[in-house]
Amino acid sequence: MPIESEDPKQVVLQVGAVLKRLRKEKQLSLDDVAALSGVSKLTLGNIERGETNPTIGMLWKISKSLSVPLMALFSAESSVNVSRAGKGLRIAGEEKTWVIEPIFHHAGDEMEMCRAYLQPNSSYDPEKHHPHTTEIVTVMSGTVTIRVGQESHLLHQYDSIRFCADTTHSYINQSDEVVVLHILMKYGG
């Protein structure tokens, strides 16, 4: 299941409601969002009704087409929030080798944070992000190679990298341990 949580059905319903609200705020039809995102109208309708559990790839395409941060699709606002590792919302990639845990996003913010877990001996090739998105990654445990365009960068525990994420990039874990990353996304520059 792509979205995991203590109550995944509730999260799927929430994402659907937020997607519908954002789409209507931008005065877009399902056909419009389908054309912009490359996600079918049928799938978008199913997401809005909470009838399907979207993958991280679909969510990236949708957020990019709506010009909103990925975490804007998961609205949970409060004046004080605590994010505990391994608790709450988890979003898995297609093959479950890549899992992210949203940490913080506040409506109107141009930044969001998440924890990411890359399974041993695996890689993840995310969708290109919104134009002018900066990604800042810190390795919390393990060793990872991050490829940005044609350049590869080997990072060890507590190393950080910053790059423009609207280009091709990938994460490669060639070890036998899970790599844990802290990722900050800054939209629009």
Protein backbone atom coordinates (compact mmCIF):
# COMPACT_ATOMS: atom_id res chain seq x y z
CA MET A 1 0.00 0.00 0.00
CA PRO A 2 1.56 3.34 -1.01
CA ILE A 3 0.20 5.44 1.90
CA GLU A 4 0.68 3.86 5.30
CA SER A 5 -0.51 5.17 8.63
CA GLU A 6 -2.22 4.06 11.79
CA ASP A 7 -5.46 4.85 9.88
CA PRO A 8 -4.57 4.67 6.17
CA LYS A 9 -8.19 4.96 4.98
CA GLN A 10 -8.55 8.26 6.85
CA VAL A 11 -5.35 9.59 5.25
CA VAL A 12 -6.53 8.50 1.78
CA LEU A 13 -9.86 10.27 2.36
CA GLN A 14 -8.03 13.38 3.59
CA VAL A 15 -5.75 13.46 0.54
CA GLY A 16 -8.80 13.13 -1.71
CA ALA A 17 -10.62 15.98 0.01
CA VAL A 18 -7.54 18.23 -0.14
CA LEU A 19 -6.98 17.41 -3.81
CA LYS A 20 -10.59 18.26 -4.64
CA ARG A 21 -10.40 21.53 -2.66
CA LEU A 22 -7.12 22.59 -4.32
CA ARG A 23 -8.41 21.69 -7.77
CA LYS A 24 -11.59 23.74 -7.26
CA GLU A 25 -9.65 26.68 -5.77
CA LYS A 26 -7.58 26.74 -8.95
CA GLN A 27 -10.78 26.40 -11.03
CA LEU A 28 -9.54 23.25 -12.74
CA SER A 29 -11.61 20.30 -13.94
CA LEU A 30 -10.51 16.70 -13.53
CA ASP A 31 -9.70 16.77 -17.26
CA ASP A 32 -7.46 19.81 -16.71
CA VAL A 33 -5.53 18.16 -13.87
CA ALA A 34 -5.28 14.91 -15.86
CA ALA A 35 -3.78 16.79 -18.81
CA LEU A 36 -1.35 18.71 -16.59
CA SER A 37 -0.29 15.76 -14.42
CA GLY A 38 -0.40 12.76 -16.74
CA VAL A 39 -2.56 10.96 -14.14
CA SER A 40 -5.80 9.70 -15.70
CA LYS A 41 -9.12 11.41 -15.00
CA LEU A 42 -10.48 8.11 -13.67
CA THR A 43 -7.60 7.76 -11.20
CA LEU A 44 -7.91 11.39 -10.09
CA GLY A 45 -11.63 10.91 -9.47
CA ASN A 46 -10.92 7.75 -7.48
CA ILE A 47 -8.31 9.63 -5.40
CA GLU A 48 -10.74 12.49 -4.72
CA ARG A 49 -13.39 10.01 -3.55
CA GLY A 50 -10.87 8.17 -1.37
CA GLU A 51 -11.33 4.98 -3.42
CA THR A 52 -7.69 4.50 -4.34
CA ASN A 53 -4.42 4.79 -2.49
CA PRO A 54 -2.08 6.95 -4.62
CA THR A 55 1.62 6.21 -5.00
CA ILE A 56 4.32 8.76 -4.28
CA GLY A 57 4.89 9.11 -8.03
CA MET A 58 1.23 10.01 -8.61
CA LEU A 59 1.27 12.48 -5.72
CA TRP A 60 4.40 14.20 -7.12
CA LYS A 61 2.76 14.52 -10.54
CA ILE A 62 -0.44 15.91 -9.01
CA SER A 63 1.30 18.39 -6.70
CA LYS A 64 3.51 19.58 -9.55
CA SER A 65 0.49 20.04 -11.86
CA LEU A 66 -1.29 22.10 -9.17
CA SER A 67 1.91 24.07 -8.36
CA VAL A 68 1.70 23.16 -4.68
CA PRO A 69 4.23 21.46 -2.38
CA LEU A 70 3.78 17.70 -2.08
CA MET A 71 2.88 17.94 1.60
CA ALA A 72 0.10 20.43 0.82
CA LEU A 73 -1.89 17.33 -0.13
CA PHE A 74 -1.68 16.27 3.55
CA SER A 75 -3.14 19.19 5.48
CA ALA A 76 -2.70 18.91 9.24
CA GLU A 77 -2.21 22.24 10.94
CA SER A 78 -1.62 23.03 14.60
CA SER A 79 0.53 25.52 16.49
CA VAL A 80 2.76 22.75 17.92
CA ASN A 81 3.48 19.48 16.16
CA VAL A 82 5.78 16.62 17.08
CA SER A 83 6.90 14.20 14.39
CA ARG A 84 8.09 10.85 15.68
CA ALA A 85 10.15 8.56 13.49
CA GLY A 86 8.23 5.47 12.43
CA LYS A 87 4.89 6.90 13.63
CA GLY A 88 2.11 8.42 11.61
CA LEU A 89 1.96 8.83 7.87
CA ARG A 90 4.35 6.87 5.63
CA ILE A 91 4.31 7.03 1.84
CA ALA A 92 6.00 4.23 -0.06
CA GLY A 93 7.38 4.20 -3.58
CA GLU A 94 6.21 1.70 -6.17
CA GLU A 95 8.42 -1.15 -4.95
CA LYS A 96 8.56 -0.07 -1.28
CA THR A 97 12.34 0.43 -1.46
CA TRP A 98 11.76 4.16 -0.77
CA VAL A 99 9.52 5.36 2.05
CA ILE A 100 9.01 8.93 3.22
CA GLU A 101 7.52 10.21 6.43
CA PRO A 102 6.28 13.78 6.13
CA ILE A 103 7.59 15.80 9.05
CA PHE A 104 6.30 19.34 8.69
CA HIS A 105 4.46 21.46 6.19
CA HIS A 106 2.24 24.42 6.93
CA ALA A 107 -0.23 25.83 4.40
CA GLY A 108 1.38 28.76 2.64
CA ASP A 109 4.93 27.63 3.42
CA GLU A 110 7.33 27.24 0.56
CA MET A 111 9.22 24.57 2.49
CA GLU A 112 8.52 21.06 3.71
CA MET A 113 10.51 18.41 5.51
CA CYS A 114 10.41 14.64 5.51
CA ARG A 115 12.38 11.63 6.65
CA ALA A 116 13.21 9.14 3.92
CA TYR A 117 14.26 5.52 4.19
CA LEU A 118 16.08 3.77 1.34
CA GLN A 119 16.22 0.00 1.67
CA PRO A 120 19.51 -1.94 1.36
CA ASN A 121 20.89 -2.51 -2.14
CA SER A 122 18.23 -0.41 -3.83
CA SER A 123 17.74 2.89 -5.58
CA TYR A 124 15.03 5.48 -6.04
CA ASP A 125 14.52 7.76 -9.03
CA PRO A 126 11.97 10.42 -8.08
CA GLU A 127 9.89 12.46 -10.46
CA LYS A 128 11.42 15.81 -11.35
CA HIS A 129 10.06 18.28 -8.81
CA HIS A 130 8.39 21.64 -9.31
CA PRO A 131 10.41 24.21 -11.28
CA HIS A 132 12.95 26.07 -9.11
CA THR A 133 12.73 23.54 -6.25
CA THR A 134 15.79 23.21 -4.05
CA GLU A 135 16.32 19.93 -2.20
CA ILE A 136 18.59 19.77 0.84
CA VAL A 137 19.42 16.26 2.04
CA THR A 138 21.28 15.21 5.18
CA VAL A 139 22.27 11.59 5.76
CA MET A 140 21.18 10.60 9.27
CA SER A 141 22.47 7.03 9.04
CA GLY A 142 24.23 4.95 6.44
CA THR A 143 25.96 5.89 3.21
CA VAL A 144 24.18 6.93 0.02
CA THR A 145 25.13 8.02 -3.47
CA ILE A 146 23.02 10.87 -4.78
CA ARG A 147 23.19 11.37 -8.51
CA VAL A 148 22.20 14.81 -9.80
CA GLY A 149 22.21 14.95 -13.58
CA GLN A 150 25.43 13.19 -14.60
CA GLU A 151 27.30 13.82 -11.32
CA SER A 152 27.42 11.33 -8.44
CA HIS A 153 28.03 12.36 -4.84
CA LEU A 154 28.86 9.85 -2.10
CA LEU A 155 27.54 11.00 1.27
CA HIS A 156 28.19 9.52 4.70
CA GLN A 157 26.40 10.00 8.02
CA TYR A 158 25.71 13.70 8.72
CA ASP A 159 26.91 14.81 5.27
CA SER A 160 24.54 17.16 3.44
CA ILE A 161 23.93 18.14 -0.16
CA ARG A 162 21.87 20.89 -1.78
CA PHE A 163 20.73 20.75 -5.41
CA CYS A 164 18.08 21.92 -7.84
CA ALA A 165 15.48 19.13 -7.75
CA ASP A 166 13.67 20.00 -10.96
CA THR A 167 16.33 18.00 -12.78
CA THR A 168 16.92 14.25 -12.95
CA HIS A 169 18.25 12.91 -9.66
CA SER A 170 18.41 9.58 -7.86
CA TYR A 171 19.34 7.96 -4.57
CA ILE A 172 21.44 4.78 -4.52
CA ASN A 173 22.08 2.59 -1.48
CA GLN A 174 24.73 -0.03 -2.22
CA SER A 175 25.04 -1.18 1.39
CA ASP A 176 23.31 -3.89 3.41
CA GLU A 177 21.78 -1.30 5.78
CA VAL A 178 18.78 1.00 5.51
CA VAL A 179 19.80 4.59 4.77
CA VAL A 180 17.90 7.28 6.70
CA LEU A 181 17.75 10.76 5.21
CA HIS A 182 16.37 14.11 6.34
CA ILE A 183 15.07 16.06 3.34
CA LEU A 184 14.10 19.72 3.17
CA MET A 185 12.35 20.96 0.03
CA LYS A 186 12.22 24.66 -0.75
CA TYR A 187 9.83 25.57 -3.55
CA GLY A 188 10.37 28.52 -5.85
CA GLY A 189 14.10 29.02 -5.36
